[in-house]
Amino acid sequence: DVYPDVAALAEKDRSIIITGYVEIVA
């Protein structure tokens, strides 16, 4: 549930990767 303003950061900078939900963060 990434907030749209945070998701927009990744759209502007390819070095930022948003994974979304992951089962195991470790």
mmCIF file of all heavy atoms, coordinates in Angstrom:
data_MODEL
# 
_entry.id   MODEL 
# 
loop_
_atom_site.group_PDB 
_atom_site.id 
_atom_site.type_symbol 
_atom_site.label_atom_id 
_atom_site.label_alt_id 
_atom_site.label_comp_id 
_atom_site.label_asym_id 
_atom_site.label_entity_id 
_atom_site.label_seq_id 
_atom_site.pdbx_PDB_ins_code 
_atom_site.Cartn_x 
_atom_site.Cartn_y 
_atom_site.Cartn_z 
_atom_site.occupancy 
_atom_site.B_iso_or_equiv 
_atom_site.pdbx_formal_charge 
_atom_site.auth_seq_id 
_atom_site.auth_comp_id 
_atom_site.auth_asym_id 
_atom_site.auth_atom_id 
_atom_site.pdbx_PDB_model_num 
ATOM 1   N N   . ASP A 1 1  ? 0.814  -1.213  0.000   1.00 0.00 ? 1  ASP A N   1 
ATOM 2   C CA  . ASP A 1 1  ? 0.000  0.000   0.000   1.00 0.00 ? 1  ASP A CA  1 
ATOM 3   C C   . ASP A 1 1  ? 0.851  1.268   0.000   1.00 0.00 ? 1  ASP A C   1 
ATOM 4   O O   . ASP A 1 1  ? 0.702  2.143   0.846   1.00 0.00 ? 1  ASP A O   1 
ATOM 5   C CB  . ASP A 1 1  ? -0.946 0.023   1.208   1.00 0.00 ? 1  ASP A CB  1 
ATOM 6   C CG  . ASP A 1 1  ? -1.916 -1.145  1.223   1.00 0.00 ? 1  ASP A CG  1 
ATOM 7   O OD1 . ASP A 1 1  ? -2.279 -1.614  0.133   1.00 0.00 ? 1  ASP A OD1 1 
ATOM 8   O OD2 . ASP A 1 1  ? -2.293 -1.579  2.321   1.00 0.00 ? 1  ASP A OD2 1 
ATOM 9   N N   . VAL A 1 2  ? 1.722  1.360   -0.976  1.00 0.00 ? 2  VAL A N   1 
ATOM 10  C CA  . VAL A 1 2  ? 2.603  2.525   -1.060  1.00 0.00 ? 2  VAL A CA  1 
ATOM 11  C C   . VAL A 1 2  ? 1.770  3.756   -1.413  1.00 0.00 ? 2  VAL A C   1 
ATOM 12  O O   . VAL A 1 2  ? 0.991  3.753   -2.368  1.00 0.00 ? 2  VAL A O   1 
ATOM 13  C CB  . VAL A 1 2  ? 3.721  2.295   -2.097  1.00 0.00 ? 2  VAL A CB  1 
ATOM 14  C CG1 . VAL A 1 2  ? 4.551  3.542   -2.280  1.00 0.00 ? 2  VAL A CG1 1 
ATOM 15  C CG2 . VAL A 1 2  ? 4.590  1.142   -1.656  1.00 0.00 ? 2  VAL A CG2 1 
ATOM 16  N N   . TYR A 1 3  ? 1.938  4.791   -0.622  1.00 0.00 ? 3  TYR A N   1 
ATOM 17  C CA  . TYR A 1 3  ? 1.234  6.047   -0.817  1.00 0.00 ? 3  TYR A CA  1 
ATOM 18  C C   . TYR A 1 3  ? 1.605  6.630   -2.184  1.00 0.00 ? 3  TYR A C   1 
ATOM 19  O O   . TYR A 1 3  ? 2.763  6.573   -2.595  1.00 0.00 ? 3  TYR A O   1 
ATOM 20  C CB  . TYR A 1 3  ? 1.612  7.010   0.320   1.00 0.00 ? 3  TYR A CB  1 
ATOM 21  C CG  . TYR A 1 3  ? 0.761  8.231   0.417   1.00 0.00 ? 3  TYR A CG  1 
ATOM 22  C CD1 . TYR A 1 3  ? -0.545 8.151   0.883   1.00 0.00 ? 3  TYR A CD1 1 
ATOM 23  C CD2 . TYR A 1 3  ? 1.258  9.473   0.047   1.00 0.00 ? 3  TYR A CD2 1 
ATOM 24  C CE1 . TYR A 1 3  ? -1.333 9.282   0.989   1.00 0.00 ? 3  TYR A CE1 1 
ATOM 25  C CE2 . TYR A 1 3  ? 0.474  10.610  0.143   1.00 0.00 ? 3  TYR A CE2 1 
ATOM 26  C CZ  . TYR A 1 3  ? -0.827 10.510  0.613   1.00 0.00 ? 3  TYR A CZ  1 
ATOM 27  O OH  . TYR A 1 3  ? -1.602 11.630  0.709   1.00 0.00 ? 3  TYR A OH  1 
ATOM 28  N N   . PRO A 1 4  ? 0.645  7.195   -2.912  1.00 0.00 ? 4  PRO A N   1 
ATOM 29  C CA  . PRO A 1 4  ? 0.926  7.701   -4.265  1.00 0.00 ? 4  PRO A CA  1 
ATOM 30  C C   . PRO A 1 4  ? 2.088  8.693   -4.340  1.00 0.00 ? 4  PRO A C   1 
ATOM 31  O O   . PRO A 1 4  ? 2.858  8.669   -5.310  1.00 0.00 ? 4  PRO A O   1 
ATOM 32  C CB  . PRO A 1 4  ? -0.395 8.368   -4.673  1.00 0.00 ? 4  PRO A CB  1 
ATOM 33  C CG  . PRO A 1 4  ? -1.442 7.643   -3.891  1.00 0.00 ? 4  PRO A CG  1 
ATOM 34  C CD  . PRO A 1 4  ? -0.786 7.303   -2.573  1.00 0.00 ? 4  PRO A CD  1 
ATOM 35  N N   . ASP A 1 5  ? 2.246  9.559   -3.349  1.00 0.00 ? 5  ASP A N   1 
ATOM 36  C CA  . ASP A 1 5  ? 3.353  10.521  -3.385  1.00 0.00 ? 5  ASP A CA  1 
ATOM 37  C C   . ASP A 1 5  ? 4.707  9.815   -3.293  1.00 0.00 ? 5  ASP A C   1 
ATOM 38  O O   . ASP A 1 5  ? 5.682  10.246  -3.901  1.00 0.00 ? 5  ASP A O   1 
ATOM 39  C CB  . ASP A 1 5  ? 3.239  11.535  -2.243  1.00 0.00 ? 5  ASP A CB  1 
ATOM 40  C CG  . ASP A 1 5  ? 2.092  12.514  -2.439  1.00 0.00 ? 5  ASP A CG  1 
ATOM 41  O OD1 . ASP A 1 5  ? 1.454  12.478  -3.520  1.00 0.00 ? 5  ASP A OD1 1 
ATOM 42  O OD2 . ASP A 1 5  ? 1.842  13.303  -1.515  1.00 0.00 ? 5  ASP A OD2 1 
ATOM 43  N N   . VAL A 1 6  ? 4.760  8.724   -2.534  1.00 0.00 ? 6  VAL A N   1 
ATOM 44  C CA  . VAL A 1 6  ? 5.998  7.948   -2.431  1.00 0.00 ? 6  VAL A CA  1 
ATOM 45  C C   . VAL A 1 6  ? 6.231  7.189   -3.729  1.00 0.00 ? 6  VAL A C   1 
ATOM 46  O O   . VAL A 1 6  ? 7.351  7.133   -4.241  1.00 0.00 ? 6  VAL A O   1 
ATOM 47  C CB  . VAL A 1 6  ? 5.963  6.999   -1.212  1.00 0.00 ? 6  VAL A CB  1 
ATOM 48  C CG1 . VAL A 1 6  ? 7.196  6.116   -1.175  1.00 0.00 ? 6  VAL A CG1 1 
ATOM 49  C CG2 . VAL A 1 6  ? 5.833  7.801   0.084   1.00 0.00 ? 6  VAL A CG2 1 
ATOM 50  N N   . ALA A 1 7  ? 5.188  6.612   -4.303  1.00 0.00 ? 7  ALA A N   1 
ATOM 51  C CA  . ALA A 1 7  ? 5.310  5.915   -5.585  1.00 0.00 ? 7  ALA A CA  1 
ATOM 52  C C   . ALA A 1 7  ? 5.795  6.866   -6.675  1.00 0.00 ? 7  ALA A C   1 
ATOM 53  O O   . ALA A 1 7  ? 6.584  6.475   -7.544  1.00 0.00 ? 7  ALA A O   1 
ATOM 54  C CB  . ALA A 1 7  ? 3.978  5.286   -5.971  1.00 0.00 ? 7  ALA A CB  1 
ATOM 55  N N   . ALA A 1 8  ? 5.359  8.106   -6.619  1.00 0.00 ? 8  ALA A N   1 
ATOM 56  C CA  . ALA A 1 8  ? 5.795  9.102   -7.607  1.00 0.00 ? 8  ALA A CA  1 
ATOM 57  C C   . ALA A 1 8  ? 7.297  9.351   -7.523  1.00 0.00 ? 8  ALA A C   1 
ATOM 58  O O   . ALA A 1 8  ? 7.938  9.636   -8.537  1.00 0.00 ? 8  ALA A O   1 
ATOM 59  C CB  . ALA A 1 8  ? 5.029  10.407  -7.419  1.00 0.00 ? 8  ALA A CB  1 
ATOM 60  N N   . LEU A 1 9  ? 7.873  9.211   -6.333  1.00 0.00 ? 9  LEU A N   1 
ATOM 61  C CA  . LEU A 1 9  ? 9.323  9.370   -6.191  1.00 0.00 ? 9  LEU A CA  1 
ATOM 62  C C   . LEU A 1 9  ? 10.055 8.332   -7.025  1.00 0.00 ? 9  LEU A C   1 
ATOM 63  O O   . LEU A 1 9  ? 11.051 8.632   -7.684  1.00 0.00 ? 9  LEU A O   1 
ATOM 64  C CB  . LEU A 1 9  ? 9.734  9.217   -4.721  1.00 0.00 ? 9  LEU A CB  1 
ATOM 65  C CG  . LEU A 1 9  ? 9.137  10.188  -3.723  1.00 0.00 ? 9  LEU A CG  1 
ATOM 66  C CD1 . LEU A 1 9  ? 9.539  9.793   -2.308  1.00 0.00 ? 9  LEU A CD1 1 
ATOM 67  C CD2 . LEU A 1 9  ? 9.568  11.608  -4.030  1.00 0.00 ? 9  LEU A CD2 1 
ATOM 68  N N   . ALA A 1 10 ? 9.561  7.102   -7.000  1.00 0.00 ? 10 ALA A N   1 
ATOM 69  C CA  . ALA A 1 10 ? 10.195 6.026   -7.760  1.00 0.00 ? 10 ALA A CA  1 
ATOM 70  C C   . ALA A 1 10 ? 10.041 6.237   -9.258  1.00 0.00 ? 10 ALA A C   1 
ATOM 71  O O   . ALA A 1 10 ? 10.909 5.836   -10.037 1.00 0.00 ? 10 ALA A O   1 
ATOM 72  C CB  . ALA A 1 10 ? 9.619  4.675   -7.346  1.00 0.00 ? 10 ALA A CB  1 
ATOM 73  N N   . GLU A 1 11 ? 8.955  6.854   -9.672  1.00 0.00 ? 11 GLU A N   1 
ATOM 74  C CA  . GLU A 1 11 ? 8.763  7.118   -11.091 1.00 0.00 ? 11 GLU A CA  1 
ATOM 75  C C   . GLU A 1 11 ? 9.763  8.152   -11.604 1.00 0.00 ? 11 GLU A C   1 
ATOM 76  O O   . GLU A 1 11 ? 10.150 8.123   -12.763 1.00 0.00 ? 11 GLU A O   1 
ATOM 77  C CB  . GLU A 1 11 ? 7.338  7.603   -11.351 1.00 0.00 ? 11 GLU A CB  1 
ATOM 78  C CG  . GLU A 1 11 ? 6.307  6.506   -11.128 1.00 0.00 ? 11 GLU A CG  1 
ATOM 79  C CD  . GLU A 1 11 ? 4.885  7.019   -11.252 1.00 0.00 ? 11 GLU A CD  1 
ATOM 80  O OE1 . GLU A 1 11 ? 4.683  8.180   -11.675 1.00 0.00 ? 11 GLU A OE1 1 
ATOM 81  O OE2 . GLU A 1 11 ? 3.974  6.247   -10.919 1.00 0.00 ? 11 GLU A OE2 1 
ATOM 82  N N   . LYS A 1 12 ? 10.219 9.034   -10.726 1.00 0.00 ? 12 LYS A N   1 
ATOM 83  C CA  . LYS A 1 12 ? 11.167 10.084  -11.109 1.00 0.00 ? 12 LYS A CA  1 
ATOM 84  C C   . LYS A 1 12 ? 12.619 9.616   -11.032 1.00 0.00 ? 12 LYS A C   1 
ATOM 85  O O   . LYS A 1 12 ? 13.492 10.223  -11.632 1.00 0.00 ? 12 LYS A O   1 
ATOM 86  C CB  . LYS A 1 12 ? 10.995 11.301  -10.201 1.00 0.00 ? 12 LYS A CB  1 
ATOM 87  C CG  . LYS A 1 12 ? 9.677  11.997  -10.344 1.00 0.00 ? 12 LYS A CG  1 
ATOM 88  C CD  . LYS A 1 12 ? 9.568  13.148  -9.373  1.00 0.00 ? 12 LYS A CD  1 
ATOM 89  C CE  . LYS A 1 12 ? 8.203  13.791  -9.437  1.00 0.00 ? 12 LYS A CE  1 
ATOM 90  N NZ  . LYS A 1 12 ? 8.025  14.811  -8.411  1.00 0.00 ? 12 LYS A NZ  1 
ATOM 91  N N   . ASP A 1 13 ? 12.881 8.558   -10.286 1.00 0.00 ? 13 ASP A N   1 
ATOM 92  C CA  . ASP A 1 13 ? 14.259 8.104   -10.043 1.00 0.00 ? 13 ASP A CA  1 
ATOM 93  C C   . ASP A 1 13 ? 14.315 6.588   -10.145 1.00 0.00 ? 13 ASP A C   1 
ATOM 94  O O   . ASP A 1 13 ? 13.790 5.873   -9.289  1.00 0.00 ? 13 ASP A O   1 
ATOM 95  C CB  . ASP A 1 13 ? 14.713 8.563   -8.651  1.00 0.00 ? 13 ASP A CB  1 
ATOM 96  C CG  . ASP A 1 13 ? 16.176 8.295   -8.376  1.00 0.00 ? 13 ASP A CG  1 
ATOM 97  O OD1 . ASP A 1 13 ? 16.748 7.362   -8.991  1.00 0.00 ? 13 ASP A OD1 1 
ATOM 98  O OD2 . ASP A 1 13 ? 16.747 8.995   -7.534  1.00 0.00 ? 13 ASP A OD2 1 
ATOM 99  N N   . ARG A 1 14 ? 14.962 6.086   -11.185 1.00 0.00 ? 14 ARG A N   1 
ATOM 100 C CA  . ARG A 1 14 ? 14.998 4.640   -11.442 1.00 0.00 ? 14 ARG A CA  1 
ATOM 101 C C   . ARG A 1 14 ? 15.813 3.866   -10.405 1.00 0.00 ? 14 ARG A C   1 
ATOM 102 O O   . ARG A 1 14 ? 15.769 2.646   -10.371 1.00 0.00 ? 14 ARG A O   1 
ATOM 103 C CB  . ARG A 1 14 ? 15.527 4.382   -12.836 1.00 0.00 ? 14 ARG A CB  1 
ATOM 104 C CG  . ARG A 1 14 ? 14.580 4.942   -13.894 1.00 0.00 ? 14 ARG A CG  1 
ATOM 105 C CD  . ARG A 1 14 ? 15.046 4.579   -15.247 1.00 0.00 ? 14 ARG A CD  1 
ATOM 106 N NE  . ARG A 1 14 ? 15.069 3.123   -15.327 1.00 0.00 ? 14 ARG A NE  1 
ATOM 107 C CZ  . ARG A 1 14 ? 14.955 2.438   -16.432 1.00 0.00 ? 14 ARG A CZ  1 
ATOM 108 N NH1 . ARG A 1 14 ? 14.823 3.058   -17.543 1.00 0.00 ? 14 ARG A NH1 1 
ATOM 109 N NH2 . ARG A 1 14 ? 15.002 1.124   -16.423 1.00 0.00 ? 14 ARG A NH2 1 
ATOM 110 N N   . SER A 1 15 ? 16.559 4.554   -9.557  1.00 0.00 ? 15 SER A N   1 
ATOM 111 C CA  . SER A 1 15 ? 17.320 3.853   -8.523  1.00 0.00 ? 15 SER A CA  1 
ATOM 112 C C   . SER A 1 15 ? 16.453 3.515   -7.308  1.00 0.00 ? 15 SER A C   1 
ATOM 113 O O   . SER A 1 15 ? 16.891 2.819   -6.408  1.00 0.00 ? 15 SER A O   1 
ATOM 114 C CB  . SER A 1 15 ? 18.534 4.678   -8.083  1.00 0.00 ? 15 SER A CB  1 
ATOM 115 O OG  . SER A 1 15 ? 18.144 5.796   -7.309  1.00 0.00 ? 15 SER A OG  1 
ATOM 116 N N   . ILE A 1 16 ? 15.220 4.006   -7.298  1.00 0.00 ? 16 ILE A N   1 
ATOM 117 C CA  . ILE A 1 16 ? 14.276 3.703   -6.224  1.00 0.00 ? 16 ILE A CA  1 
ATOM 118 C C   . ILE A 1 16 ? 13.339 2.610   -6.710  1.00 0.00 ? 16 ILE A C   1 
ATOM 119 O O   . ILE A 1 16 ? 12.649 2.776   -7.709  1.00 0.00 ? 16 ILE A O   1 
ATOM 120 C CB  . ILE A 1 16 ? 13.468 4.952   -5.809  1.00 0.00 ? 16 ILE A CB  1 
ATOM 121 C CG1 . ILE A 1 16 ? 14.406 6.078   -5.373  1.00 0.00 ? 16 ILE A CG1 1 
ATOM 122 C CG2 . ILE A 1 16 ? 12.478 4.605   -4.701  1.00 0.00 ? 16 ILE A CG2 1 
ATOM 123 C CD1 . ILE A 1 16 ? 13.715 7.406   -5.156  1.00 0.00 ? 16 ILE A CD1 1 
ATOM 124 N N   . ILE A 1 17 ? 13.344 1.485   -6.018  1.00 0.00 ? 17 ILE A N   1 
ATOM 125 C CA  . ILE A 1 17 ? 12.525 0.336   -6.398  1.00 0.00 ? 17 ILE A CA  1 
ATOM 126 C C   . ILE A 1 17 ? 11.504 0.079   -5.307  1.00 0.00 ? 17 ILE A C   1 
ATOM 127 O O   . ILE A 1 17 ? 11.856 -0.078  -4.140  1.00 0.00 ? 17 ILE A O   1 
ATOM 128 C CB  . ILE A 1 17 ? 13.388 -0.929  -6.605  1.00 0.00 ? 17 ILE A CB  1 
ATOM 129 C CG1 . ILE A 1 17 ? 14.371 -0.697  -7.757  1.00 0.00 ? 17 ILE A CG1 1 
ATOM 130 C CG2 . ILE A 1 17 ? 12.529 -2.138  -6.893  1.00 0.00 ? 17 ILE A CG2 1 
ATOM 131 C CD1 . ILE A 1 17 ? 15.742 -0.412  -7.332  1.00 0.00 ? 17 ILE A CD1 1 
ATOM 132 N N   . ILE A 1 18 ? 10.244 0.061   -5.684  1.00 0.00 ? 18 ILE A N   1 
ATOM 133 C CA  . ILE A 1 18 ? 9.173  -0.242  -4.744  1.00 0.00 ? 18 ILE A CA  1 
ATOM 134 C C   . ILE A 1 18 ? 8.737  -1.677  -4.993  1.00 0.00 ? 18 ILE A C   1 
ATOM 135 O O   . ILE A 1 18 ? 8.326  -2.034  -6.091  1.00 0.00 ? 18 ILE A O   1 
ATOM 136 C CB  . ILE A 1 18 ? 8.002  0.735   -4.910  1.00 0.00 ? 18 ILE A CB  1 
ATOM 137 C CG1 . ILE A 1 18 ? 8.470  2.153   -4.572  1.00 0.00 ? 18 ILE A CG1 1 
ATOM 138 C CG2 . ILE A 1 18 ? 6.822  0.319   -4.045  1.00 0.00 ? 18 ILE A CG2 1 
ATOM 139 C CD1 . ILE A 1 18 ? 7.447  3.220   -4.784  1.00 0.00 ? 18 ILE A CD1 1 
ATOM 140 N N   . THR A 1 19 ? 8.841  -2.502  -3.957  1.00 0.00 ? 19 THR A N   1 
ATOM 141 C CA  . THR A 1 19 ? 8.533  -3.926  -4.103  1.00 0.00 ? 19 THR A CA  1 
ATOM 142 C C   . THR A 1 19 ? 7.058  -4.226  -3.945  1.00 0.00 ? 19 THR A C   1 
ATOM 143 O O   . THR A 1 19 ? 6.581  -5.228  -4.452  1.00 0.00 ? 19 THR A O   1 
ATOM 144 C CB  . THR A 1 19 ? 9.281  -4.752  -3.051  1.00 0.00 ? 19 THR A CB  1 
ATOM 145 O OG1 . THR A 1 19 ? 8.785  -4.404  -1.759  1.00 0.00 ? 19 THR A OG1 1 
ATOM 146 C CG2 . THR A 1 19 ? 10.772 -4.534  -3.138  1.00 0.00 ? 19 THR A CG2 1 
ATOM 147 N N   . GLY A 1 20 ? 6.337  -3.389  -3.216  1.00 0.00 ? 20 GLY A N   1 
ATOM 148 C CA  . GLY A 1 20 ? 4.993  -3.771  -2.812  1.00 0.00 ? 20 GLY A CA  1 
ATOM 149 C C   . GLY A 1 20 ? 5.087  -4.803  -1.697  1.00 0.00 ? 20 GLY A C   1 
ATOM 150 O O   . GLY A 1 20 ? 6.145  -4.949  -1.063  1.00 0.00 ? 20 GLY A O   1 
ATOM 151 N N   . TYR A 1 21 ? 4.013  -5.514  -1.474  1.00 0.00 ? 21 TYR A N   1 
ATOM 152 C CA  . TYR A 1 21 ? 3.975  -6.497  -0.392  1.00 0.00 ? 21 TYR A CA  1 
ATOM 153 C C   . TYR A 1 21 ? 4.962  -7.627  -0.668  1.00 0.00 ? 21 TYR A C   1 
ATOM 154 O O   . TYR A 1 21 ? 5.055  -8.119  -1.786  1.00 0.00 ? 21 TYR A O   1 
ATOM 155 C CB  . TYR A 1 21 ? 2.567  -7.088  -0.255  1.00 0.00 ? 21 TYR A CB  1 
ATOM 156 C CG  . TYR A 1 21 ? 2.492  -8.216  0.733   1.00 0.00 ? 21 TYR A CG  1 
ATOM 157 C CD1 . TYR A 1 21 ? 2.433  -7.956  2.087   1.00 0.00 ? 21 TYR A CD1 1 
ATOM 158 C CD2 . TYR A 1 21 ? 2.520  -9.536  0.306   1.00 0.00 ? 21 TYR A CD2 1 
ATOM 159 C CE1 . TYR A 1 21 ? 2.382  -8.990  3.011   1.00 0.00 ? 21 TYR A CE1 1 
ATOM 160 C CE2 . TYR A 1 21 ? 2.470  -10.579 1.220   1.00 0.00 ? 21 TYR A CE2 1 
ATOM 161 C CZ  . TYR A 1 21 ? 2.404  -10.294 2.570   1.00 0.00 ? 21 TYR A CZ  1 
ATOM 162 O OH  . TYR A 1 21 ? 2.363  -11.313 3.481   1.00 0.00 ? 21 TYR A OH  1 
ATOM 163 N N   . VAL A 1 22 ? 5.718  -8.015  0.340   1.00 0.00 ? 22 VAL A N   1 
ATOM 164 C CA  . VAL A 1 22 ? 6.561  -9.211  0.261   1.00 0.00 ? 22 VAL A CA  1 
ATOM 165 C C   . VAL A 1 22 ? 6.245  -10.078 1.468   1.00 0.00 ? 22 VAL A C   1 
ATOM 166 O O   . VAL A 1 22 ? 5.969  -9.583  2.557   1.00 0.00 ? 22 VAL A O   1 
ATOM 167 C CB  . VAL A 1 22 ? 8.075  -8.882  0.211   1.00 0.00 ? 22 VAL A CB  1 
ATOM 168 C CG1 . VAL A 1 22 ? 8.411  -8.098  -1.039  1.00 0.00 ? 22 VAL A CG1 1 
ATOM 169 C CG2 . VAL A 1 22 ? 8.530  -8.135  1.435   1.00 0.00 ? 22 VAL A CG2 1 
ATOM 170 N N   . GLU A 1 23 ? 6.261  -11.379 1.262   1.00 0.00 ? 23 GLU A N   1 
ATOM 171 C CA  . GLU A 1 23 ? 5.950  -12.321 2.332   1.00 0.00 ? 23 GLU A CA  1 
ATOM 172 C C   . GLU A 1 23 ? 6.994  -12.270 3.442   1.00 0.00 ? 23 GLU A C   1 
ATOM 173 O O   . GLU A 1 23 ? 6.659  -12.266 4.613   1.00 0.00 ? 23 GLU A O   1 
ATOM 174 C CB  . GLU A 1 23 ? 5.859  -13.744 1.753   1.00 0.00 ? 23 GLU A CB  1 
ATOM 175 C CG  . GLU A 1 23 ? 5.386  -14.781 2.729   1.00 0.00 ? 23 GLU A CG  1 
ATOM 176 C CD  . GLU A 1 23 ? 3.906  -14.658 3.069   1.00 0.00 ? 23 GLU A CD  1 
ATOM 177 O OE1 . GLU A 1 23 ? 3.117  -14.205 2.228   1.00 0.00 ? 23 GLU A OE1 1 
ATOM 178 O OE2 . GLU A 1 23 ? 3.551  -15.008 4.214   1.00 0.00 ? 23 GLU A OE2 1 
ATOM 179 N N   . ILE A 1 24 ? 8.281  -12.230 3.043   1.00 0.00 ? 24 ILE A N   1 
ATOM 180 C CA  . ILE A 1 24 ? 9.367  -12.258 4.022   1.00 0.00 ? 24 ILE A CA  1 
ATOM 181 C C   . ILE A 1 24 ? 10.303 -11.090 3.751   1.00 0.00 ? 24 ILE A C   1 
ATOM 182 O O   . ILE A 1 24 ? 11.025 -11.074 2.761   1.00 0.00 ? 24 ILE A O   1 
ATOM 183 C CB  . ILE A 1 24 ? 10.127 -13.604 3.967   1.00 0.00 ? 24 ILE A CB  1 
ATOM 184 C CG1 . ILE A 1 24 ? 9.168  -14.746 4.259   1.00 0.00 ? 24 ILE A CG1 1 
ATOM 185 C CG2 . ILE A 1 24 ? 11.294 -13.596 4.943   1.00 0.00 ? 24 ILE A CG2 1 
ATOM 186 C CD1 . ILE A 1 24 ? 9.758  -16.124 4.068   1.00 0.00 ? 24 ILE A CD1 1 
ATOM 187 N N   . VAL A 1 25 ? 10.300 -10.113 4.636   1.00 0.00 ? 25 VAL A N   1 
ATOM 188 C CA  . VAL A 1 25 ? 11.132 -8.916  4.494   1.00 0.00 ? 25 VAL A CA  1 
ATOM 189 C C   . VAL A 1 25 ? 12.608 -9.253  4.698   1.00 0.00 ? 25 VAL A C   1 
ATOM 190 O O   . VAL A 1 25 ? 13.482 -8.623  4.103   1.00 0.00 ? 25 VAL A O   1 
ATOM 191 C CB  . VAL A 1 25 ? 10.672 -7.834  5.506   1.00 0.00 ? 25 VAL A CB  1 
ATOM 192 C CG1 . VAL A 1 25 ? 11.605 -6.635  5.486   1.00 0.00 ? 25 VAL A CG1 1 
ATOM 193 C CG2 . VAL A 1 25 ? 9.243  -7.415  5.221   1.00 0.00 ? 25 VAL A CG2 1 
ATOM 194 N N   . ALA A 1 26 ? 12.893 -10.262 5.496   1.00 0.00 ? 26 ALA A N   1 
ATOM 195 C CA  . ALA A 1 26 ? 14.275 -10.590 5.863   1.00 0.00 ? 26 ALA A CA  1 
ATOM 196 C C   . ALA A 1 26 ? 15.168 -10.820 4.652   1.00 0.00 ? 26 ALA A C   1 
ATOM 197 O O   . ALA A 1 26 ? 16.349 -10.493 4.696   1.00 0.00 ? 26 ALA A O   1 
ATOM 198 C CB  . ALA A 1 26 ? 14.303 -11.812 6.780   1.00 0.00 ? 26 ALA A CB  1 
# 
